[in-house]
Amino acid sequence: MASGFGLVVRFTLRDADAAQAFDELVARTLEGIQRDEPGTSVYAIHRVPGEPNLRIFYELYESRAAFEAHEQQPHTKHFLVEREKYVTRTDVTFLEHVGGKV
């Protein structure tokens, strides 16, 4: 994974209804990721205890090219458009792998 590519994305959602709809959108998107993206090593979605309108995504790809391929998938493009209905803020942190157990 030393040549891999990663990011953490923090989504702040509008309210409880938006959070539920966002989670449903994510579930549909995950189906495509699992089925069509061999270069996506980890795509993990987390809730934050005590912050019901926050979601954290942790994403690891085999390479920058695999991430770019992910961004071009129809299911990802759909997610990127549809999420705007539910999200008030998106914070992205790109990661550079330097060590650890993978």
PDB file of N, CA and C in Angstrom:
ATOM      1  N   MET A   1       0.819  -1.199   0.000  1.00  0.00           N
ATOM      2  CA  MET A   1       0.000   0.000   0.000  1.00  0.00           C
ATOM      3  C   MET A   1       0.856   1.253   0.000  1.00  0.00           C
ATOM      4  N   ALA A   2       2.151   1.137   0.044  1.00  0.00           N
ATOM      5  CA  ALA A   2       3.013   2.307   0.092  1.00  0.00           C
ATOM      6  C   ALA A   2       2.781   3.244  -1.084  1.00  0.00           C
ATOM      7  N   SER A   3       2.401   2.708  -2.240  1.00  0.00           N
ATOM      8  CA  SER A   3       2.131   3.564  -3.387  1.00  0.00           C
ATOM      9  C   SER A   3       0.658   3.929  -3.470  1.00  0.00           C
ATOM     10  N   GLY A   4      -0.133   3.581  -2.469  1.00  0.00           N
ATOM     11  CA  GLY A   4      -1.564   3.818  -2.485  1.00  0.00           C
ATOM     12  C   GLY A   4      -1.927   5.283  -2.332  1.00  0.00           C
ATOM     13  N   PHE A   5      -3.221   5.515  -2.356  1.00  0.00           N
ATOM     14  CA  PHE A   5      -3.770   6.858  -2.275  1.00  0.00           C
ATOM     15  C   PHE A   5      -4.968   6.807  -1.348  1.00  0.00           C
ATOM     16  N   GLY A   6      -5.085   7.776  -0.444  1.00  0.00           N
ATOM     17  CA  GLY A   6      -6.190   7.755   0.497  1.00  0.00           C
ATOM     18  C   GLY A   6      -6.739   9.126   0.791  1.00  0.00           C
ATOM     19  N   LEU A   7      -7.930   9.122   1.388  1.00  0.00           N
ATOM     20  CA  LEU A   7      -8.536  10.356   1.824  1.00  0.00           C
ATOM     21  C   LEU A   7      -9.552  10.078   2.913  1.00  0.00           C
ATOM     22  N   VAL A   8      -9.836  11.127   3.677  1.00  0.00           N
ATOM     23  CA  VAL A   8     -10.892  11.127   4.678  1.00  0.00           C
ATOM     24  C   VAL A   8     -11.833  12.258   4.295  1.00  0.00           C
ATOM     25  N   VAL A   9     -13.125  11.951   4.260  1.00  0.00           N
ATOM     26  CA  VAL A   9     -14.117  12.961   3.917  1.00  0.00           C
ATOM     27  C   VAL A   9     -15.106  13.063   5.074  1.00  0.00           C
ATOM     28  N   ARG A  10     -15.356  14.287   5.480  1.00  0.00           N
ATOM     29  CA  ARG A  10     -16.279  14.568   6.591  1.00  0.00           C
ATOM     30  C   ARG A  10     -17.487  15.294   6.015  1.00  0.00           C
ATOM     31  N   PHE A  11     -18.663  14.659   6.126  1.00  0.00           N
ATOM     32  CA  PHE A  11     -19.904  15.244   5.634  1.00  0.00           C
ATOM     33  C   PHE A  11     -20.753  15.701   6.816  1.00  0.00           C
ATOM     34  N   THR A  12     -21.133  16.961   6.820  1.00  0.00           N
ATOM     35  CA  THR A  12     -22.095  17.478   7.785  1.00  0.00           C
ATOM     36  C   THR A  12     -23.437  17.542   7.068  1.00  0.00           C
ATOM     37  N   LEU A  13     -24.425  16.869   7.634  1.00  0.00           N
ATOM     38  CA  LEU A  13     -25.729  16.736   6.992  1.00  0.00           C
ATOM     39  C   LEU A  13     -26.735  17.728   7.579  1.00  0.00           C
ATOM     40  N   ARG A  14     -27.726  18.088   6.777  1.00  0.00           N
ATOM     41  CA  ARG A  14     -28.681  19.149   7.145  1.00  0.00           C
ATOM     42  C   ARG A  14     -29.460  18.854   8.422  1.00  0.00           C
ATOM     43  N   ASP A  15     -30.022  17.659   8.511  1.00  0.00           N
ATOM     44  CA  ASP A  15     -30.869  17.299   9.647  1.00  0.00           C
ATOM     45  C   ASP A  15     -31.071  15.787   9.643  1.00  0.00           C
ATOM     46  N   ALA A  16     -31.928  15.294  10.540  1.00  0.00           N
ATOM     47  CA  ALA A  16     -32.128  13.850  10.665  1.00  0.00           C
ATOM     48  C   ALA A  16     -32.709  13.242   9.386  1.00  0.00           C
ATOM     49  N   ASP A  17     -33.644  13.927   8.746  1.00  0.00           N
ATOM     50  CA  ASP A  17     -34.213  13.405   7.503  1.00  0.00           C
ATOM     51  C   ASP A  17     -33.156  13.335   6.407  1.00  0.00           C
ATOM     52  N   ALA A  18     -32.327  14.366   6.308  1.00  0.00           N
ATOM     53  CA  ALA A  18     -31.244  14.378   5.323  1.00  0.00           C
ATOM     54  C   ALA A  18     -30.253  13.251   5.614  1.00  0.00           C
ATOM     55  N   ALA A  19     -29.969  13.019   6.892  1.00  0.00           N
ATOM     56  CA  ALA A  19     -29.038  11.953   7.269  1.00  0.00           C
ATOM     57  C   ALA A  19     -29.572  10.595   6.826  1.00  0.00           C
ATOM     58  N   GLN A  20     -30.853  10.358   7.010  1.00  0.00           N
ATOM     59  CA  GLN A  20     -31.445   9.084   6.597  1.00  0.00           C
ATOM     60  C   GLN A  20     -31.386   8.927   5.077  1.00  0.00           C
ATOM     61  N   ALA A  21     -31.739   9.968   4.349  1.00  0.00           N
ATOM     62  CA  ALA A  21     -31.700   9.904   2.884  1.00  0.00           C
ATOM     63  C   ALA A  21     -30.260   9.749   2.379  1.00  0.00           C
ATOM     64  N   PHE A  22     -29.323  10.434   3.022  1.00  0.00           N
ATOM     65  CA  PHE A  22     -27.911  10.324   2.670  1.00  0.00           C
ATOM     66  C   PHE A  22     -27.429   8.886   2.873  1.00  0.00           C
ATOM     67  N   ASP A  23     -27.798   8.288   3.998  1.00  0.00           N
ATOM     68  CA  ASP A  23     -27.391   6.910   4.275  1.00  0.00           C
ATOM     69  C   ASP A  23     -27.944   5.951   3.221  1.00  0.00           C
ATOM     70  N   GLU A  24     -29.156   6.191   2.755  1.00  0.00           N
ATOM     71  CA  GLU A  24     -29.744   5.354   1.706  1.00  0.00           C
ATOM     72  C   GLU A  24     -28.991   5.542   0.388  1.00  0.00           C
ATOM     73  N   LEU A  25     -28.633   6.768   0.075  1.00  0.00           N
ATOM     74  CA  LEU A  25     -27.845   7.053  -1.124  1.00  0.00           C
ATOM     75  C   LEU A  25     -26.487   6.356  -1.055  1.00  0.00           C
ATOM     76  N   VAL A  26     -25.860   6.408   0.096  1.00  0.00           N
ATOM     77  CA  VAL A  26     -24.561   5.759   0.291  1.00  0.00           C
ATOM     78  C   VAL A  26     -24.689   4.244   0.095  1.00  0.00           C
ATOM     79  N   ALA A  27     -25.731   3.647   0.643  1.00  0.00           N
ATOM     80  CA  ALA A  27     -25.916   2.197   0.510  1.00  0.00           C
ATOM     81  C   ALA A  27     -26.023   1.797  -0.957  1.00  0.00           C
ATOM     82  N   ARG A  28     -26.751   2.565  -1.741  1.00  0.00           N
ATOM     83  CA  ARG A  28     -26.872   2.273  -3.178  1.00  0.00           C
ATOM     84  C   ARG A  28     -25.525   2.458  -3.881  1.00  0.00           C
ATOM     85  N   THR A  29     -24.791   3.482  -3.498  1.00  0.00           N
ATOM     86  CA  THR A  29     -23.492   3.758  -4.108  1.00  0.00           C
ATOM     87  C   THR A  29     -22.502   2.644  -3.783  1.00  0.00           C
ATOM     88  N   LEU A  30     -22.542   2.143  -2.558  1.00  0.00           N
ATOM     89  CA  LEU A  30     -21.628   1.073  -2.143  1.00  0.00           C
ATOM     90  C   LEU A  30     -21.774  -0.177  -2.995  1.00  0.00           C
ATOM     91  N   GLU A  31     -22.987  -0.446  -3.459  1.00  0.00           N
ATOM     92  CA  GLU A  31     -23.189  -1.619  -4.305  1.00  0.00           C
ATOM     93  C   GLU A  31     -22.304  -1.536  -5.544  1.00  0.00           C
ATOM     94  N   GLY A  32     -22.267  -0.382  -6.187  1.00  0.00           N
ATOM     95  CA  GLY A  32     -21.432  -0.193  -7.369  1.00  0.00           C
ATOM     96  C   GLY A  32     -19.956  -0.240  -7.050  1.00  0.00           C
ATOM     97  N   ILE A  33     -19.573   0.339  -5.929  1.00  0.00           N
ATOM     98  CA  ILE A  33     -18.162   0.332  -5.530  1.00  0.00           C
ATOM     99  C   ILE A  33     -17.692  -1.104  -5.312  1.00  0.00           C
ATOM    100  N   GLN A  34     -18.488  -1.877  -4.592  1.00  0.00           N
ATOM    101  CA  GLN A  34     -18.103  -3.260  -4.308  1.00  0.00           C
ATOM    102  C   GLN A  34     -18.073  -4.108  -5.572  1.00  0.00           C
ATOM    103  N   ARG A  35     -18.979  -3.842  -6.491  1.00  0.00           N
ATOM    104  CA  ARG A  35     -19.105  -4.646  -7.699  1.00  0.00           C
ATOM    105  C   ARG A  35     -18.082  -4.266  -8.780  1.00  0.00           C
ATOM    106  N   ASP A  36     -17.806  -2.962  -8.936  1.00  0.00           N
ATOM    107  CA  ASP A  36     -17.108  -2.481 -10.122  1.00  0.00           C
ATOM    108  C   ASP A  36     -15.755  -1.822  -9.887  1.00  0.00           C
ATOM    109  N   GLU A  37     -15.240  -1.841  -8.655  1.00  0.00           N
ATOM    110  CA  GLU A  37     -14.011  -1.092  -8.386  1.00  0.00           C
ATOM    111  C   GLU A  37     -12.945  -1.947  -7.707  1.00  0.00           C
ATOM    112  N   PRO A  38     -12.231  -2.752  -8.482  1.00  0.00           N
ATOM    113  CA  PRO A  38     -11.182  -3.578  -7.872  1.00  0.00           C
ATOM    114  C   PRO A  38     -10.031  -2.758  -7.295  1.00  0.00           C
ATOM    115  N   GLY A  39      -9.832  -1.532  -7.750  1.00  0.00           N
ATOM    116  CA  GLY A  39      -8.760  -0.686  -7.235  1.00  0.00           C
ATOM    117  C   GLY A  39      -9.102   0.053  -5.957  1.00  0.00           C
ATOM    118  N   THR A  40     -10.351  -0.088  -5.501  1.00  0.00           N
ATOM    119  CA  THR A  40     -10.757   0.515  -4.230  1.00  0.00           C
ATOM    120  C   THR A  40     -10.501  -0.514  -3.138  1.00  0.00           C
ATOM    121  N   SER A  41      -9.502  -0.243  -2.299  1.00  0.00           N
ATOM    122  CA  SER A  41      -9.107  -1.193  -1.258  1.00  0.00           C
ATOM    123  C   SER A  41      -9.995  -1.101  -0.024  1.00  0.00           C
ATOM    124  N   VAL A  42     -10.309   0.122   0.408  1.00  0.00           N
ATOM    125  CA  VAL A  42     -11.151   0.361   1.585  1.00  0.00           C
ATOM    126  C   VAL A  42     -12.078   1.520   1.274  1.00  0.00           C
ATOM    127  N   TYR A  43     -13.355   1.339   1.570  1.00  0.00           N
ATOM    128  CA  TYR A  43     -14.333   2.423   1.448  1.00  0.00           C
ATOM    129  C   TYR A  43     -15.257   2.268   2.641  1.00  0.00           C
ATOM    130  N   ALA A  44     -14.889   2.893   3.737  1.00  0.00           N
ATOM    131  CA  ALA A  44     -15.582   2.701   5.002  1.00  0.00           C
ATOM    132  C   ALA A  44     -16.312   3.975   5.408  1.00  0.00           C
ATOM    133  N   ILE A  45     -17.560   3.811   5.806  1.00  0.00           N
ATOM    134  CA  ILE A  45     -18.396   4.937   6.234  1.00  0.00           C
ATOM    135  C   ILE A  45     -18.641   4.790   7.735  1.00  0.00           C
ATOM    136  N   HIS A  46     -18.494   5.909   8.443  1.00  0.00           N
ATOM    137  CA  HIS A  46     -18.646   5.886   9.894  1.00  0.00           C
ATOM    138  C   HIS A  46     -19.655   6.943  10.347  1.00  0.00           C
ATOM    139  N   ARG A  47     -20.431   6.597  11.361  1.00  0.00           N
ATOM    140  CA  ARG A  47     -21.211   7.577  12.105  1.00  0.00           C
ATOM    141  C   ARG A  47     -20.369   7.999  13.297  1.00  0.00           C
ATOM    142  N   VAL A  48     -20.687   9.162  13.843  1.00  0.00           N
ATOM    143  CA  VAL A  48     -19.949   9.674  14.990  1.00  0.00           C
ATOM    144  C   VAL A  48     -20.900   9.705  16.184  1.00  0.00           C
ATOM    145  N   PRO A  49     -20.607   8.949  17.262  1.00  0.00           N
ATOM    146  CA  PRO A  49     -21.475   8.954  18.429  1.00  0.00           C
ATOM    147  C   PRO A  49     -21.708  10.382  18.943  1.00  0.00           C
ATOM    148  N   GLY A  50     -22.951  10.707  19.203  1.00  0.00           N
ATOM    149  CA  GLY A  50     -23.293  12.023  19.724  1.00  0.00           C
ATOM    150  C   GLY A  50     -23.411  13.110  18.661  1.00  0.00           C
ATOM    151  N   GLU A  51     -23.109  12.781  17.409  1.00  0.00           N
ATOM    152  CA  GLU A  51     -23.222  13.739  16.299  1.00  0.00           C
ATOM    153  C   GLU A  51     -23.991  13.059  15.162  1.00  0.00           C
ATOM    154  N   PRO A  52     -25.317  12.957  15.295  1.00  0.00           N
ATOM    155  CA  PRO A  52     -26.115  12.170  14.350  1.00  0.00           C
ATOM    156  C   PRO A  52     -26.114  12.693  12.910  1.00  0.00           C
ATOM    157  N   ASN A  53     -25.716  13.920  12.705  1.00  0.00           N
ATOM    158  CA  ASN A  53     -25.720  14.499  11.358  1.00  0.00           C
ATOM    159  C   ASN A  53     -24.316  14.593  10.763  1.00  0.00           C
ATOM    160  N   LEU A  54     -23.432  13.728  11.222  1.00  0.00           N
ATOM    161  CA  LEU A  54     -22.062  13.711  10.732  1.00  0.00           C
ATOM    162  C   LEU A  54     -21.729  12.318  10.227  1.00  0.00           C
ATOM    163  N   ARG A  55     -21.068  12.256   9.078  1.00  0.00           N
ATOM    164  CA  ARG A  55     -20.569  10.998   8.533  1.00  0.00           C
ATOM    165  C   ARG A  55     -19.112  11.207   8.141  1.00  0.00           C
ATOM    166  N   ILE A  56     -18.300  10.186   8.417  1.00  0.00           N
ATOM    167  CA  ILE A  56     -16.882  10.201   8.056  1.00  0.00           C
ATOM    168  C   ILE A  56     -16.637   9.041   7.096  1.00  0.00           C
ATOM    169  N   PHE A  57     -16.051   9.352   5.946  1.00  0.00           N
ATOM    170  CA  PHE A  57     -15.662   8.326   4.979  1.00  0.00           C
ATOM    171  C   PHE A  57     -14.150   8.177   5.047  1.00  0.00           C
ATOM    172  N   TYR A  58     -13.695   6.942   5.053  1.00  0.00           N
ATOM    173  CA  TYR A  58     -12.268   6.622   4.994  1.00  0.00           C
ATOM    174  C   TYR A  58     -12.074   5.794   3.740  1.00  0.00           C
ATOM    175  N   GLU A  59     -11.282   6.310   2.807  1.00  0.00           N
ATOM    176  CA  GLU A  59     -11.146   5.676   1.506  1.00  0.00           C
ATOM    177  C   GLU A  59      -9.673   5.421   1.187  1.00  0.00           C
ATOM    178  N   LEU A  60      -9.371   4.192   0.774  1.00  0.00           N
ATOM    179  CA  LEU A  60      -8.025   3.831   0.338  1.00  0.00           C
ATOM    180  C   LEU A  60      -8.115   3.191  -1.044  1.00  0.00           C
ATOM    181  N   TYR A  61      -7.231   3.623  -1.913  1.00  0.00           N
ATOM    182  CA  TYR A  61      -7.185   3.138  -3.286  1.00  0.00           C
ATOM    183  C   TYR A  61      -5.799   2.601  -3.572  1.00  0.00           C
ATOM    184  N   GLU A  62      -5.704   1.660  -4.511  1.00  0.00           N
ATOM    185  CA  GLU A  62      -4.408   1.079  -4.866  1.00  0.00           C
ATOM    186  C   GLU A  62      -3.459   2.126  -5.439  1.00  0.00           C
ATOM    187  N   SER A  63      -4.019   3.169  -6.050  1.00  0.00           N
ATOM    188  CA  SER A  63      -3.204   4.200  -6.682  1.00  0.00           C
ATOM    189  C   SER A  63      -4.058   5.439  -6.928  1.00  0.00           C
ATOM    190  N   ARG A  64      -3.406   6.514  -7.296  1.00  0.00           N
ATOM    191  CA  ARG A  64      -4.140   7.731  -7.676  1.00  0.00           C
ATOM    192  C   ARG A  64      -5.036   7.432  -8.890  1.00  0.00           C
ATOM    193  N   ALA A  65      -4.540   6.607  -9.815  1.00  0.00           N
ATOM    194  CA  ALA A  65      -5.328   6.232 -10.993  1.00  0.00           C
ATOM    195  C   ALA A  65      -6.594   5.469 -10.589  1.00  0.00           C
ATOM    196  N   ALA A  66      -6.501   4.624  -9.567  1.00  0.00           N
ATOM    197  CA  ALA A  66      -7.682   3.893  -9.096  1.00  0.00           C
ATOM    198  C   ALA A  66      -8.697   4.868  -8.492  1.00  0.00           C
ATOM    199  N   PHE A  67      -8.224   5.879  -7.779  1.00  0.00           N
ATOM    200  CA  PHE A  67      -9.121   6.909  -7.246  1.00  0.00           C
ATOM    201  C   PHE A  67      -9.798   7.663  -8.389  1.00  0.00           C
ATOM    202  N   GLU A  68      -9.023   8.023  -9.396  1.00  0.00           N
ATOM    203  CA  GLU A  68      -9.584   8.747 -10.532  1.00  0.00           C
ATOM    204  C   GLU A  68     -10.605   7.887 -11.277  1.00  0.00           C
ATOM    205  N   ALA A  69     -10.347   6.577 -11.373  1.00  0.00           N
ATOM    206  CA  ALA A  69     -11.321   5.662 -11.979  1.00  0.00           C
ATOM    207  C   ALA A  69     -12.595   5.616 -11.142  1.00  0.00           C
ATOM    208  N   HIS A  70     -12.456   5.612  -9.819  1.00  0.00           N
ATOM    209  CA  HIS A  70     -13.612   5.657  -8.909  1.00  0.00           C
ATOM    210  C   HIS A  70     -14.456   6.902  -9.178  1.00  0.00           C
ATOM    211  N   GLU A  71     -13.801   8.032  -9.338  1.00  0.00           N
ATOM    212  CA  GLU A  71     -14.503   9.293  -9.560  1.00  0.00           C
ATOM    213  C   GLU A  71     -15.276   9.299 -10.882  1.00  0.00           C
ATOM    214  N   GLN A  72     -14.891   8.476 -11.839  1.00  0.00           N
ATOM    215  CA  GLN A  72     -15.532   8.434 -13.153  1.00  0.00           C
ATOM    216  C   GLN A  72     -16.662   7.400 -13.251  1.00  0.00           C
ATOM    217  N   GLN A  73     -16.840   6.602 -12.218  1.00  0.00           N
ATOM    218  CA  GLN A  73     -17.892   5.581 -12.241  1.00  0.00           C
ATOM    219  C   GLN A  73     -19.278   6.234 -12.219  1.00  0.00           C
ATOM    220  N   PRO A  74     -20.249   5.671 -12.937  1.00  0.00           N
ATOM    221  CA  PRO A  74     -21.604   6.237 -12.925  1.00  0.00           C
ATOM    222  C   PRO A  74     -22.198   6.342 -11.524  1.00  0.00           C
ATOM    223  N   HIS A  75     -21.974   5.326 -10.675  1.00  0.00           N
ATOM    224  CA  HIS A  75     -22.534   5.372  -9.325  1.00  0.00           C
ATOM    225  C   HIS A  75     -21.898   6.488  -8.495  1.00  0.00           C
ATOM    226  N   THR A  76     -20.615   6.759  -8.716  1.00  0.00           N
ATOM    227  CA  THR A  76     -19.947   7.846  -7.989  1.00  0.00           C
ATOM    228  C   THR A  76     -20.440   9.195  -8.493  1.00  0.00           C
ATOM    229  N   LYS A  77     -20.542   9.353  -9.801  1.00  0.00           N
ATOM    230  CA  LYS A  77     -21.037  10.617 -10.346  1.00  0.00           C
ATOM    231  C   LYS A  77     -22.446  10.912  -9.841  1.00  0.00           C
ATOM    232  N   HIS A  78     -23.289   9.886  -9.780  1.00  0.00           N
ATOM    233  CA  HIS A  78     -24.648  10.048  -9.246  1.00  0.00           C
ATOM    234  C   HIS A  78     -24.595  10.500  -7.782  1.00  0.00           C
ATOM    235  N   PHE A  79     -23.757   9.846  -6.994  1.00  0.00           N
ATOM    236  CA  PHE A  79     -23.609  10.214  -5.583  1.00  0.00           C
ATOM    237  C   PHE A  79     -23.175  11.671  -5.428  1.00  0.00           C
ATOM    238  N   LEU A  80     -22.193  12.092  -6.213  1.00  0.00           N
ATOM    239  CA  LEU A  80     -21.658  13.451  -6.088  1.00  0.00           C
ATOM    240  C   LEU A  80     -22.719  14.506  -6.372  1.00  0.00           C
ATOM    241  N   VAL A  81     -23.625  14.233  -7.295  1.00  0.00           N
ATOM    242  CA  VAL A  81     -24.710  15.179  -7.589  1.00  0.00           C
ATOM    243  C   VAL A  81     -25.782  15.120  -6.506  1.00  0.00           C
ATOM    244  N   GLU A  82     -26.234  13.923  -6.186  1.00  0.00           N
ATOM    245  CA  GLU A  82     -27.357  13.752  -5.259  1.00  0.00           C
ATOM    246  C   GLU A  82     -27.032  14.158  -3.822  1.00  0.00           C
ATOM    247  N   ARG A  83     -25.793  13.997  -3.401  1.00  0.00           N
ATOM    248  CA  ARG A  83     -25.443  14.305  -2.010  1.00  0.00           C
ATOM    249  C   ARG A  83     -25.696  15.764  -1.667  1.00  0.00           C
ATOM    250  N   GLU A  84     -25.647  16.639  -2.656  1.00  0.00           N
ATOM    251  CA  GLU A  84     -25.815  18.075  -2.406  1.00  0.00           C
ATOM    252  C   GLU A  84     -27.160  18.400  -1.771  1.00  0.00           C
ATOM    253  N   LYS A  85     -28.155  17.547  -1.963  1.00  0.00           N
ATOM    254  CA  LYS A  85     -29.474  17.750  -1.354  1.00  0.00           C
ATOM    255  C   LYS A  85     -29.422  17.621   0.163  1.00  0.00           C
ATOM    256  N   TYR A  86     -28.435  16.898   0.671  1.00  0.00           N
ATOM    257  CA  TYR A  86     -28.414  16.504   2.080  1.00  0.00           C
ATOM    258  C   TYR A  86     -27.284  17.116   2.892  1.00  0.00           C
ATOM    259  N   VAL A  87     -26.270  17.626   2.219  1.00  0.00           N
ATOM    260  CA  VAL A  87     -25.031  18.034   2.878  1.00  0.00           C
ATOM    261  C   VAL A  87     -24.951  19.553   3.006  1.00  0.00           C
ATOM    262  N   THR A  88     -24.530  20.017   4.187  1.00  0.00           N
ATOM    263  CA  THR A  88     -24.285  21.452   4.360  1.00  0.00           C
ATOM    264  C   THR A  88     -22.800  21.782   4.280  1.00  0.00           C
ATOM    265  N   ARG A  89     -21.963  20.777   4.527  1.00  0.00           N
ATOM    266  CA  ARG A  89     -20.524  21.013   4.479  1.00  0.00           C
ATOM    267  C   ARG A  89     -19.799  19.710   4.167  1.00  0.00           C
ATOM    268  N   THR A  90     -18.758  19.810   3.347  1.00  0.00           N
ATOM    269  CA  THR A  90     -17.907  18.673   3.013  1.00  0.00           C
ATOM    270  C   THR A  90     -16.460  19.090   3.217  1.00  0.00           C
ATOM    271  N   ASP A  91     -15.739  18.327   4.024  1.00  0.00           N
ATOM    272  CA  ASP A  91     -14.316  18.578   4.265  1.00  0.00           C
ATOM    273  C   ASP A  91     -13.538  17.347   3.811  1.00  0.00           C
ATOM    274  N   VAL A  92     -12.546  17.557   2.937  1.00  0.00           N
ATOM    275  CA  VAL A  92     -11.749  16.457   2.401  1.00  0.00           C
ATOM    276  C   VAL A  92     -10.297  16.634   2.839  1.00  0.00           C
ATOM    277  N   THR A  93      -9.712  15.554   3.346  1.00  0.00           N
ATOM    278  CA  THR A  93      -8.296  15.520   3.686  1.00  0.00           C
ATOM    279  C   THR A  93      -7.653  14.394   2.893  1.00  0.00           C
ATOM    280  N   PHE A  94      -6.707  14.731   2.024  1.00  0.00           N
ATOM    281  CA  PHE A  94      -5.980  13.721   1.263  1.00  0.00           C
ATOM    282  C   PHE A  94      -4.843  13.181   2.120  1.00  0.00           C
ATOM    283  N   LEU A  95      -4.557  11.894   1.973  1.00  0.00           N
ATOM    284  CA  LEU A  95      -3.593  11.201   2.818  1.00  0.00           C
ATOM    285  C   LEU A  95      -2.428  10.657   2.001  1.00  0.00           C
ATOM    286  N   GLU A  96      -1.272  10.644   2.609  1.00  0.00           N
ATOM    287  CA  GLU A  96      -0.085  10.032   2.025  1.00  0.00           C
ATOM    288  C   GLU A  96       0.370   8.929   2.971  1.00  0.00           C
ATOM    289  N   HIS A  97       0.391   7.715   2.499  1.00  0.00           N
ATOM    290  CA  HIS A  97       0.752   6.565   3.337  1.00  0.00           C
ATOM    291  C   HIS A  97       2.243   6.577   3.645  1.00  0.00           C
ATOM    292  N   VAL A  98       2.586   6.477   4.928  1.00  0.00           N
ATOM    293  CA  VAL A  98       3.998   6.457   5.325  1.00  0.00           C
ATOM    294  C   VAL A  98       4.387   5.214   6.109  1.00  0.00           C
ATOM    295  N   GLY A  99       3.418   4.414   6.518  1.00  0.00           N
ATOM    296  CA  GLY A  99       3.740   3.198   7.252  1.00  0.00           C
ATOM    297  C   GLY A  99       2.550   2.642   7.979  1.00  0.00           C
ATOM    298  N   GLY A 100       2.732   1.481   8.584  1.00  0.00           N
ATOM    299  CA  GLY A 100       1.671   0.867   9.353  1.00  0.00           C
ATOM    300  C   GLY A 100       1.420  -0.550   8.887  1.00  0.00           C
ATOM    301  N   LYS A 101       0.343  -1.135   9.356  1.00  0.00           N
ATOM    302  CA  LYS A 101      -0.048  -2.491   8.995  1.00  0.00           C
ATOM    303  C   LYS A 101      -1.192  -2.413   7.989  1.00  0.00           C
ATOM    304  N   VAL A 102      -0.946  -2.923   6.813  1.00  0.00           N
ATOM    305  CA  VAL A 102      -1.981  -2.906   5.782  1.00  0.00           C
ATOM    306  C   VAL A 102      -2.149  -4.275   5.175  1.00  0.00           C
TER     307      VAL A 102
END
